[in-house]
Amino acid sequence: MENLKTKRIITAIAASLILASCKAPMATVIKDEVKENLPQNFNQDEQQDANNNSGTTPWRRFFTDPNLVGLIETALKNNQDLLITLQEIEIAKSGVLAKKGKLAPTVSAGIGAGLRKAGRYTSEGAGDATTEIEPGRKMPDPLGNFGGSISADWEVDIWKKLRTEKESAVAHYLSTVEGKNFVLSSLIEEVADSYYELLALDNQLGIIQQYIKLQEKALEISKIQKQAAASTELAIKKFEAELAKSKATEYTIRQDITEKENEINALLGRYPQPIVRSRESFMSIIPQTVYTGIPAQLLANRPDIKQAELELKAAKLDVAAARKEFYPSLEISAALGLEAFKPSYLVKMPESLAYNLVGELAGPLINKSAIKANFRAADAKQIQALYEYDKTILNAYLDVANLMSKVKNIDQYYKLKSQEAKSLDETIDIANQLFRNSRADYLEVLLNQRDALDAKMELIEAKQKQLSTVVDIYKSLGGGWK
């Protein structure tokens, strides 16, 4: 009766301790308002077609220049940033395997041999001296110990804490995959933008070289006119200065070309070498028509949004796992093996058989500061991940909205610059003819040439911006990783 009462008291105390350890704080309830309030269209004055979205177009179909396609393919094989990202995926994959492994028992095997002699005047030594293993056979001195065993340790996932940790690791792994896709998309954008910038520099170099020839002719005419007393030394010096300035600009552009080529080579993960390209066709390239679809499609198409969403999912699971740390854990340990003081006795069964089985239910009771701190940190990271997700969605929407406007405006800008360059180009011949006939002074010639040069340079820049803007909006819609 006394023993029964004692058992009840112990059971009640144990139950109270377990209940006390099970008391856990609640996680912050977060609400994703940015995603819920995502507008239906990028431009409220226009309706976008959900069936047409350039973000789903594979990059090999979007880019038609074979030289550019070749550069992109090389970059996808050799770019160091991409290779680093691929290793991050492997690291995350290993994390999943590690968490998955915790769900199963840890089984190990071992063998051992030893020798021990206890002092004769100790309780162990005295006991061994008077103990007979078999009738008429005393314990050996020193005493050997030989054996082998298989043991297992297992934390039983009674609260699904380990499973939650594994799910978090899986979400993090998937986020690294999306991170790789975003790096792919960004890399293709960088290669394409740099390629178009290089073509623009090539064309600007051609323009400045044409301009230098015009100035050299104007300088010759000015010298002839001076000999005929139809011009002055001042005009000659002005033409010479303008010619020197243009030649200096030529070398500046040559340096820019070298740096841009090396920038592309760096993206391709290789040492400097010539970039194969078609310089002549640059101004005739027609930009791709881009279809934006609707904003909701960004959530499925953009890798950075999917990455942020998966990181948010992982953060929520981390909070759930951290909360379950307040609950008691059940651990089971077991071992089975053979043990004897002499190797020949190991085969004697069941006398040499040794085993144990231990179960332990334990939970935090006093001083939960570390567990509370980990939980609060996980809760804060969950909120932080939500803000990152919202920020990514908002920035993605604004990127597309801004670039849609830029595409329209840069197209109009290019058309007007084309008209300006054409008109000023025609004035050069007129001014030169008037100058030859002494009906216009050198300043008019210089100003016309300079204005025409600036207009052509700006026209080339406008073409480059036109092409790069299309590349940028393609990437902003989620294109480039398929």
Protein backbone atom coordinates (compact mmCIF):
# COMPACT_ATOMS: atom_id res chain seq x y z
CA MET A 1 0.00 0.00 0.00
CA GLU A 2 2.87 2.29 0.92
CA ASN A 3 4.65 1.50 -2.38
CA LEU A 4 1.49 2.19 -4.38
CA LYS A 5 1.10 5.57 -2.71
CA THR A 6 4.74 6.42 -3.42
CA LYS A 7 4.35 5.44 -7.07
CA ARG A 8 1.30 7.68 -7.40
CA ILE A 9 3.18 10.63 -5.90
CA ILE A 10 6.14 10.09 -8.25
CA THR A 11 3.80 9.76 -11.22
CA ALA A 12 1.98 12.97 -10.27
CA ILE A 13 5.27 14.87 -9.87
CA ALA A 14 6.54 13.54 -13.21
CA ALA A 15 3.30 14.51 -14.94
CA SER A 16 3.47 18.01 -13.41
CA LEU A 17 7.05 18.43 -14.57
CA ILE A 18 6.18 17.30 -18.09
CA LEU A 19 3.20 19.66 -18.25
CA ALA A 20 5.36 22.51 -16.97
CA SER A 21 7.98 21.82 -19.63
CA CYS A 22 5.30 21.71 -22.34
CA LYS A 23 4.33 25.35 -21.78
CA ALA A 24 5.57 27.22 -24.87
CA PRO A 25 5.13 30.81 -26.10
CA MET A 26 3.08 31.53 -29.22
CA ALA A 27 4.65 32.67 -32.49
CA THR A 28 3.73 36.02 -34.03
CA VAL A 29 0.86 35.72 -36.51
CA ILE A 30 2.01 37.39 -39.73
CA LYS A 31 -0.14 38.61 -42.59
CA ASP A 32 1.06 39.16 -46.15
CA GLU A 33 -0.72 42.38 -47.17
CA VAL A 34 1.53 43.25 -50.13
CA LYS A 35 0.74 39.99 -51.93
CA GLU A 36 -2.98 40.31 -51.17
CA ASN A 37 -3.08 43.89 -52.50
CA LEU A 38 -1.10 43.23 -55.69
CA PRO A 39 -2.70 45.32 -58.50
CA GLN A 40 -4.47 43.55 -61.34
CA ASN A 41 -2.50 45.43 -64.02
CA PHE A 42 0.85 47.17 -64.34
CA ASN A 43 -0.79 50.20 -65.92
CA GLN A 44 -4.22 51.03 -64.56
CA ASP A 45 -5.12 52.77 -67.84
CA GLU A 46 -4.42 49.65 -69.88
CA GLN A 47 -5.53 46.03 -69.70
CA GLN A 48 -2.77 43.44 -70.00
CA ASP A 49 -3.33 40.03 -71.60
CA ALA A 50 -2.62 37.16 -69.21
CA ASN A 51 -2.14 34.80 -72.16
CA ASN A 52 0.85 36.73 -73.52
CA ASN A 53 3.87 36.93 -71.24
CA SER A 54 7.42 37.23 -72.56
CA GLY A 55 8.75 36.14 -69.17
CA THR A 56 7.92 32.53 -70.06
CA THR A 57 9.86 32.64 -73.35
CA PRO A 58 13.08 30.56 -73.24
CA TRP A 59 16.15 32.75 -73.64
CA ARG A 60 17.32 30.88 -76.77
CA ARG A 61 14.12 31.97 -78.51
CA PHE A 62 14.22 35.50 -77.13
CA PHE A 63 17.77 36.27 -78.33
CA THR A 64 18.29 35.75 -82.06
CA ASP A 65 21.88 37.00 -82.54
CA PRO A 66 24.00 33.81 -82.84
CA ASN A 67 27.09 35.59 -81.49
CA LEU A 68 25.20 36.68 -78.37
CA VAL A 69 23.71 33.20 -77.92
CA GLY A 70 27.22 31.72 -78.08
CA LEU A 71 28.48 34.14 -75.42
CA ILE A 72 25.56 33.31 -73.12
CA GLU A 73 26.17 29.57 -73.51
CA THR A 74 29.83 30.03 -72.55
CA ALA A 75 28.85 32.14 -69.53
CA LEU A 76 26.40 29.48 -68.33
CA LYS A 77 29.23 26.91 -68.37
CA ASN A 78 32.06 28.95 -66.85
CA ASN A 79 30.76 31.91 -64.83
CA GLN A 80 32.21 31.75 -61.32
CA ASP A 81 29.20 33.30 -59.56
CA LEU A 82 26.97 30.65 -61.10
CA LEU A 83 29.38 27.86 -60.14
CA ILE A 84 29.47 29.18 -56.55
CA THR A 85 25.66 29.17 -56.48
CA LEU A 86 25.59 25.56 -57.67
CA GLN A 87 27.75 24.60 -54.69
CA GLU A 88 25.33 26.41 -52.37
CA ILE A 89 22.65 24.08 -53.72
CA GLU A 90 24.82 21.07 -52.87
CA ILE A 91 25.35 22.44 -49.35
CA ALA A 92 21.59 22.89 -48.89
CA LYS A 93 20.97 19.39 -50.26
CA SER A 94 23.38 17.99 -47.66
CA GLY A 95 21.42 19.88 -45.00
CA VAL A 96 18.25 18.07 -46.08
CA LEU A 97 20.00 14.69 -45.85
CA ALA A 98 21.33 15.56 -42.39
CA LYS A 99 17.85 16.49 -41.09
CA LYS A 100 16.33 13.41 -42.72
CA GLY A 101 18.95 11.23 -41.04
CA LYS A 102 17.88 12.47 -37.60
CA LEU A 103 14.45 10.87 -38.09
CA ALA A 104 15.97 7.37 -38.14
CA PRO A 105 17.87 5.61 -35.34
CA THR A 106 21.64 5.89 -35.26
CA VAL A 107 23.03 2.35 -35.36
CA SER A 108 26.68 1.58 -34.63
CA ALA A 109 28.77 -1.54 -34.13
CA GLY A 110 31.99 -2.12 -32.29
CA ILE A 111 34.37 -4.70 -30.88
CA GLY A 112 36.70 -4.38 -27.94
CA ALA A 113 39.27 -6.15 -25.82
CA GLY A 114 40.76 -5.24 -22.45
CA LEU A 115 42.51 -6.46 -19.33
CA ARG A 116 41.91 -5.37 -15.75
CA LYS A 117 43.39 -6.27 -12.39
CA ALA A 118 41.70 -5.09 -9.24
CA GLY A 119 43.61 -4.65 -5.98
CA ARG A 120 43.28 -7.69 -3.67
CA TYR A 121 42.27 -5.55 -0.76
CA THR A 122 39.38 -3.85 -2.50
CA SER A 123 35.78 -4.88 -2.53
CA GLU A 124 36.03 -5.80 -6.22
CA GLY A 125 39.29 -7.70 -5.79
CA ALA A 126 38.07 -9.55 -2.70
CA GLY A 127 34.85 -10.44 -4.47
CA ASP A 128 36.66 -11.76 -7.56
CA ALA A 129 39.02 -13.84 -5.41
CA THR A 130 36.15 -15.71 -3.75
CA THR A 131 33.97 -16.07 -6.85
CA GLU A 132 33.93 -19.27 -8.87
CA ILE A 133 33.00 -19.14 -12.53
CA GLU A 134 32.40 -22.85 -12.52
CA PRO A 135 32.56 -25.30 -9.60
CA GLY A 136 36.19 -25.50 -8.57
CA ARG A 137 37.29 -22.75 -11.00
CA LYS A 138 38.00 -19.27 -9.70
CA MET A 139 37.90 -15.97 -11.56
CA PRO A 140 41.09 -15.35 -13.54
CA ASP A 141 43.41 -12.65 -12.31
CA PRO A 142 43.96 -10.36 -14.14
CA LEU A 143 40.46 -10.37 -15.63
CA GLY A 144 40.05 -10.04 -19.40
CA ASN A 145 37.13 -8.42 -21.18
CA PHE A 146 36.34 -9.27 -24.81
CA GLY A 147 33.22 -8.56 -26.77
CA GLY A 148 31.34 -6.99 -29.61
CA SER A 149 28.01 -5.23 -29.79
CA ILE A 150 25.50 -3.39 -31.93
CA SER A 151 23.94 -0.29 -30.38
CA ALA A 152 21.19 2.08 -31.46
CA ASP A 153 20.11 5.56 -30.32
CA TRP A 154 16.85 7.08 -31.43
CA GLU A 155 15.06 10.30 -30.64
CA VAL A 156 11.39 9.48 -31.17
CA ASP A 157 9.79 12.38 -33.04
CA ILE A 158 6.68 12.52 -30.84
CA TRP A 159 6.04 16.24 -31.50
CA LYS A 160 7.17 16.12 -35.17
CA LYS A 161 9.95 18.56 -34.34
CA LEU A 162 12.53 16.68 -36.40
CA ARG A 163 10.11 16.37 -39.30
CA THR A 164 9.50 20.12 -39.15
CA GLU A 165 13.25 20.76 -39.21
CA LYS A 166 13.54 18.51 -42.27
CA GLU A 167 10.71 20.38 -44.04
CA SER A 168 12.50 23.66 -43.28
CA ALA A 169 15.72 22.28 -44.77
CA VAL A 170 13.81 21.19 -47.89
CA ALA A 171 12.30 24.69 -48.25
CA HIS A 172 15.76 26.24 -47.88
CA TYR A 173 17.15 23.83 -50.48
CA LEU A 174 14.39 24.76 -52.93
CA SER A 175 15.10 28.44 -52.27
CA THR A 176 18.75 27.90 -53.28
CA VAL A 177 17.52 26.33 -56.52
CA GLU A 178 15.45 29.46 -57.18
CA GLY A 179 18.49 31.53 -56.20
CA LYS A 180 20.44 29.71 -58.90
CA ASN A 181 17.68 30.52 -61.40
CA PHE A 182 17.86 34.19 -60.42
CA VAL A 183 21.65 34.18 -60.91
CA LEU A 184 21.06 32.60 -64.35
CA SER A 185 18.57 35.31 -65.27
CA SER A 186 20.84 38.11 -64.01
CA LEU A 187 23.88 36.64 -65.78
CA ILE A 188 22.09 36.46 -69.13
CA GLU A 189 20.91 40.05 -68.66
CA GLU A 190 24.47 41.22 -67.88
CA VAL A 191 25.97 39.42 -70.88
CA ALA A 192 23.31 40.79 -73.26
CA ASP A 193 23.55 44.35 -71.90
CA SER A 194 27.36 44.31 -72.10
CA TYR A 195 27.22 42.88 -75.63
CA TYR A 196 24.95 45.70 -76.83
CA GLU A 197 27.14 48.27 -75.07
CA LEU A 198 30.16 46.85 -76.89
CA LEU A 199 28.38 47.07 -80.26
CA ALA A 200 27.43 50.66 -79.46
CA LEU A 201 31.08 51.52 -78.71
CA ASP A 202 32.12 49.88 -82.00
CA ASN A 203 29.68 52.09 -83.89
CA GLN A 204 30.73 55.20 -81.99
CA LEU A 205 34.32 54.44 -82.92
CA GLY A 206 33.28 54.22 -86.58
CA ILE A 207 31.45 57.55 -86.34
CA ILE A 208 34.39 59.37 -84.72
CA GLN A 209 36.72 57.99 -87.41
CA GLN A 210 34.39 59.31 -90.13
CA TYR A 211 34.27 62.65 -88.33
CA ILE A 212 38.08 62.79 -88.20
CA LYS A 213 38.23 62.36 -92.00
CA LEU A 214 35.74 65.20 -92.44
CA GLN A 215 37.80 67.44 -90.18
CA GLU A 216 41.00 66.58 -92.02
CA LYS A 217 39.34 67.61 -95.30
CA ALA A 218 38.05 70.83 -93.72
CA LEU A 219 41.56 71.57 -92.43
CA GLU A 220 43.03 71.07 -95.92
CA ILE A 221 40.41 73.41 -97.43
CA SER A 222 41.15 76.01 -94.75
CA LYS A 223 44.89 75.87 -95.52
CA ILE A 224 44.22 76.25 -99.26
CA GLN A 225 41.89 79.19 -98.57
CA LYS A 226 44.53 80.83 -96.40
CA GLN A 227 47.01 80.63 -99.25
CA ALA A 228 44.38 82.33 -101.38
CA ALA A 229 43.81 84.90 -98.61
CA ALA A 230 40.25 83.58 -98.19
CA SER A 231 40.85 82.24 -94.68
CA THR A 232 42.89 83.02 -91.57
CA GLU A 233 45.40 81.33 -89.28
CA LEU A 234 42.72 81.37 -86.58
CA ALA A 235 40.48 79.11 -88.67
CA ILE A 236 43.36 76.69 -89.23
CA LYS A 237 44.14 76.54 -85.49
CA LYS A 238 40.45 75.97 -84.69
CA PHE A 239 40.27 73.07 -87.15
CA GLU A 240 43.52 71.62 -85.79
CA ALA A 241 42.23 71.83 -82.21
CA GLU A 242 38.95 70.18 -83.16
CA LEU A 243 40.85 67.44 -85.00
CA ALA A 244 43.09 66.78 -81.99
CA LYS A 245 40.04 66.62 -79.73
CA SER A 246 38.38 64.06 -82.00
CA LYS A 247 41.51 61.90 -82.15
CA ALA A 248 41.69 61.97 -78.34
CA THR A 249 38.04 60.87 -78.22
CA GLU A 250 38.90 57.99 -80.56
CA TYR A 251 41.49 56.65 -78.10
CA THR A 252 39.05 57.04 -75.21
CA ILE A 253 36.51 54.91 -77.09
CA ARG A 254 39.20 52.34 -77.94
CA GLN A 255 39.98 52.01 -74.22
CA ASP A 256 36.28 51.69 -73.41
CA ILE A 257 36.04 48.87 -75.98
CA THR A 258 38.97 47.03 -74.40
CA GLU A 259 37.45 47.33 -70.92
CA LYS A 260 34.01 46.25 -72.14
CA GLU A 261 35.50 43.20 -73.90
CA ASN A 262 37.31 42.23 -70.70
CA GLU A 263 34.12 42.77 -68.71
CA ILE A 264 32.35 40.28 -70.97
CA ASN A 265 35.28 37.86 -70.74
CA ALA A 266 35.04 38.06 -66.94
CA LEU A 267 31.34 37.16 -67.12
CA LEU A 268 32.31 34.23 -69.34
CA GLY A 269 34.89 33.08 -66.78
CA ARG A 270 37.88 33.33 -69.11
CA TYR A 271 41.01 35.40 -69.71
CA PRO A 272 40.91 38.29 -72.24
CA GLN A 273 40.29 37.33 -75.84
CA PRO A 274 38.43 38.96 -78.75
CA ILE A 275 34.64 39.01 -78.57
CA VAL A 276 33.06 37.74 -81.80
CA ARG A 277 30.36 40.18 -82.90
CA SER A 278 28.61 41.80 -85.88
CA ARG A 279 29.40 45.51 -85.70
CA GLU A 280 27.73 46.59 -88.92
CA SER A 281 24.21 45.36 -88.17
CA PHE A 282 23.85 47.09 -84.80
CA MET A 283 21.78 50.08 -85.93
CA SER A 284 19.42 47.83 -87.89
CA ILE A 285 18.59 45.52 -84.97
CA ILE A 286 14.85 45.61 -84.28
CA PRO A 287 14.06 45.18 -80.56
CA GLN A 288 11.87 42.27 -79.53
CA THR A 289 8.24 43.04 -78.76
CA VAL A 290 7.69 42.36 -75.06
CA TYR A 291 4.38 41.19 -73.59
CA THR A 292 4.08 41.78 -69.85
CA GLY A 293 1.14 39.58 -68.87
CA ILE A 294 -0.43 40.47 -65.50
CA PRO A 295 1.29 41.21 -62.15
CA ALA A 296 0.09 37.97 -60.52
CA GLN A 297 2.24 36.03 -63.00
CA LEU A 298 5.36 37.56 -61.46
CA LEU A 299 4.80 35.35 -58.41
CA ALA A 300 5.25 32.25 -60.56
CA ASN A 301 7.80 33.54 -63.07
CA ARG A 302 10.36 35.52 -61.08
CA PRO A 303 12.95 33.33 -59.32
CA ASP A 304 13.76 35.98 -56.70
CA ILE A 305 10.10 36.12 -55.61
CA LYS A 306 9.90 32.32 -55.41
CA GLN A 307 13.18 32.27 -53.50
CA ALA A 308 11.87 34.82 -50.98
CA GLU A 309 8.61 32.86 -50.65
CA LEU A 310 10.49 29.63 -49.88
CA GLU A 311 12.75 31.41 -47.39
CA LEU A 312 9.59 32.70 -45.68
CA LYS A 313 8.21 29.15 -45.58
CA ALA A 314 11.50 27.89 -44.10
CA ALA A 315 11.45 30.68 -41.49
CA LYS A 316 7.89 29.75 -40.43
CA LEU A 317 8.93 26.11 -40.06
CA ASP A 318 11.99 27.18 -38.04
CA VAL A 319 9.67 29.00 -35.62
CA ALA A 320 7.52 25.89 -35.27
CA ALA A 321 10.60 23.75 -34.62
CA ALA A 322 11.98 26.26 -32.09
CA ARG A 323 8.64 26.24 -30.25
CA LYS A 324 8.73 22.46 -29.99
CA GLU A 325 12.05 22.70 -28.15
CA PHE A 326 9.96 23.56 -25.07
CA TYR A 327 8.36 20.11 -25.18
CA PRO A 328 9.95 17.03 -23.60
CA SER A 329 11.87 14.68 -25.88
CA LEU A 330 11.80 10.89 -25.85
CA GLU A 331 15.09 9.11 -26.45
CA ILE A 332 15.55 5.35 -26.66
CA SER A 333 18.92 3.61 -26.45
CA ALA A 334 19.52 -0.11 -26.95
CA ALA A 335 22.51 -2.40 -27.27
CA LEU A 336 22.93 -6.10 -28.01
CA GLY A 337 26.19 -8.03 -28.02
CA LEU A 338 28.46 -10.72 -26.65
CA GLU A 339 30.82 -10.21 -23.72
CA ALA A 340 33.20 -12.56 -21.86
CA PHE A 341 36.54 -12.51 -20.05
CA LYS A 342 37.93 -15.07 -22.51
CA PRO A 343 37.43 -15.06 -26.32
CA SER A 344 36.56 -18.77 -26.32
CA TYR A 345 33.58 -18.09 -24.02
CA LEU A 346 31.97 -15.66 -26.49
CA VAL A 347 30.33 -18.54 -28.34
CA LYS A 348 28.68 -19.86 -25.20
CA MET A 349 25.07 -18.79 -25.40
CA PRO A 350 23.14 -17.38 -23.66
CA GLU A 351 25.77 -16.88 -20.90
CA SER A 352 27.87 -14.44 -23.01
CA LEU A 353 24.83 -12.50 -24.25
CA ALA A 354 24.65 -8.86 -23.04
CA TYR A 355 21.99 -6.28 -23.80
CA ASN A 356 20.35 -3.13 -22.50
CA LEU A 357 17.30 -1.04 -23.32
CA VAL A 358 16.82 2.48 -21.94
CA GLY A 359 14.06 4.97 -22.55
CA GLU A 360 14.20 8.59 -21.35
CA LEU A 361 11.56 11.30 -21.44
CA ALA A 362 13.09 14.65 -20.53
CA GLY A 363 12.12 18.26 -21.02
CA PRO A 364 13.35 21.71 -19.98
CA LEU A 365 12.06 22.82 -16.59
CA ILE A 366 14.17 25.61 -15.10
CA ASN A 367 16.30 28.24 -16.87
CA LYS A 368 14.79 28.12 -20.35
CA SER A 369 16.61 31.30 -21.37
CA ALA A 370 18.56 29.71 -24.23
CA ILE A 371 15.46 28.04 -25.66
CA LYS A 372 13.44 31.25 -25.31
CA ALA A 373 16.20 33.24 -27.00
CA ASN A 374 16.33 30.80 -29.92
CA PHE A 375 12.55 30.95 -30.26
CA ARG A 376 12.49 34.76 -30.23
CA ALA A 377 15.28 34.88 -32.80
CA ALA A 378 13.40 32.44 -35.05
CA ASP A 379 10.21 34.47 -34.62
CA ALA A 380 12.04 37.70 -35.55
CA LYS A 381 13.60 36.00 -38.60
CA GLN A 382 10.12 34.90 -39.66
CA ILE A 383 8.90 38.52 -39.59
CA GLN A 384 12.08 39.63 -41.35
CA ALA A 385 11.52 37.01 -44.08
CA LEU A 386 7.98 38.33 -44.60
CA TYR A 387 9.29 41.87 -45.06
CA GLU A 388 11.90 40.57 -47.53
CA TYR A 389 9.17 38.74 -49.45
CA ASP A 390 6.93 41.81 -49.55
CA LYS A 391 9.86 44.00 -50.58
CA THR A 392 10.77 41.60 -53.40
CA ILE A 393 7.20 41.58 -54.75
CA LEU A 394 6.92 45.37 -54.57
CA ASN A 395 10.27 45.94 -56.28
CA ALA A 396 9.40 43.41 -58.98
CA TYR A 397 6.12 45.20 -59.73
CA LEU A 398 7.83 48.61 -59.81
CA ASP A 399 10.62 47.27 -62.04
CA VAL A 400 8.14 46.16 -64.68
CA ALA A 401 6.00 49.31 -64.39
CA ASN A 402 9.06 51.57 -64.78
CA LEU A 403 10.49 49.58 -67.68
CA MET A 404 7.14 49.50 -69.51
CA SER A 405 7.17 53.28 -69.45
CA LYS A 406 10.84 53.36 -70.41
CA VAL A 407 10.27 51.12 -73.45
CA LYS A 408 7.65 53.52 -74.82
CA ASN A 409 9.65 56.65 -74.08
CA ILE A 410 12.95 55.32 -75.41
CA ASP A 411 11.21 54.28 -78.66
CA GLN A 412 9.94 57.84 -79.15
CA TYR A 413 13.33 59.24 -78.14
CA TYR A 414 15.05 57.04 -80.73
CA LYS A 415 12.70 58.13 -83.52
CA LEU A 416 13.28 61.81 -82.77
CA LYS A 417 17.05 61.33 -82.48
CA SER A 418 17.00 59.59 -85.88
CA GLN A 419 15.28 62.62 -87.41
CA GLU A 420 17.75 64.97 -85.71
CA ALA A 421 20.80 62.99 -86.87
CA LYS A 422 19.49 62.79 -90.44
CA SER A 423 18.82 66.54 -90.62
CA LEU A 424 22.20 67.48 -89.14
CA ASP A 425 23.97 65.01 -91.42
CA GLU A 426 22.52 66.85 -94.41
CA THR A 427 23.70 70.21 -93.06
CA ILE A 428 27.34 69.02 -93.05
CA ASP A 429 27.43 68.76 -96.85
CA ILE A 430 25.70 72.12 -97.19
CA ALA A 431 28.09 73.84 -94.75
CA ASN A 432 31.16 72.29 -96.40
CA GLN A 433 29.99 73.39 -99.85
CA LEU A 434 29.38 76.94 -98.63
CA PHE A 435 32.79 76.93 -96.91
CA ARG A 436 34.53 75.84 -100.14
CA ASN A 437 32.83 78.72 -101.95
CA SER A 438 33.75 81.13 -99.13
CA ARG A 439 30.07 81.74 -98.40
CA ALA A 440 30.28 80.36 -94.82
CA ASP A 441 32.98 80.81 -92.21
CA TYR A 442 34.83 78.05 -90.36
CA LEU A 443 32.72 78.43 -87.21
CA GLU A 444 29.58 77.38 -89.06
CA VAL A 445 31.39 74.32 -90.40
CA LEU A 446 32.74 73.41 -86.96
CA LEU A 447 29.39 73.86 -85.25
CA ASN A 448 27.57 71.80 -87.88
CA GLN A 449 30.11 69.00 -87.68
CA ARG A 450 30.07 68.99 -83.88
CA ASP A 451 26.26 68.99 -83.71
CA ALA A 452 26.06 66.18 -86.26
CA LEU A 453 28.66 64.15 -84.34
CA ASP A 454 26.83 64.61 -81.04
CA ALA A 455 23.52 63.64 -82.65
CA LYS A 456 24.98 60.45 -84.15
CA MET A 457 26.66 59.51 -80.88
CA GLU A 458 23.40 60.07 -79.00
CA LEU A 459 21.50 58.06 -81.62
CA ILE A 460 23.84 55.10 -81.06
CA GLU A 461 23.38 55.44 -77.29
CA ALA A 462 19.60 55.55 -77.83
CA LYS A 463 19.74 52.31 -79.84
CA GLN A 464 21.80 50.65 -77.10
CA LYS A 465 19.35 51.82 -74.41
CA GLN A 466 16.44 50.64 -76.54
CA LEU A 467 17.91 47.13 -76.79
CA SER A 468 19.06 47.00 -73.16
CA THR A 469 15.66 48.15 -71.89
CA VAL A 470 14.01 45.24 -73.69
CA VAL A 471 16.54 42.86 -72.11
CA ASP A 472 15.90 44.39 -68.68
CA ILE A 473 12.12 44.10 -68.89
CA TYR A 474 12.47 40.50 -70.12
CA LYS A 475 14.48 39.71 -66.99
CA SER A 476 12.08 41.69 -64.77
CA LEU A 477 9.18 39.58 -66.04
CA GLY A 478 11.04 36.46 -64.90
CA GLY A 479 12.67 35.56 -68.20
CA GLY A 480 16.16 34.24 -68.76
CA TRP A 481 16.38 31.13 -66.60
CA LYS A 482 14.38 28.71 -68.74
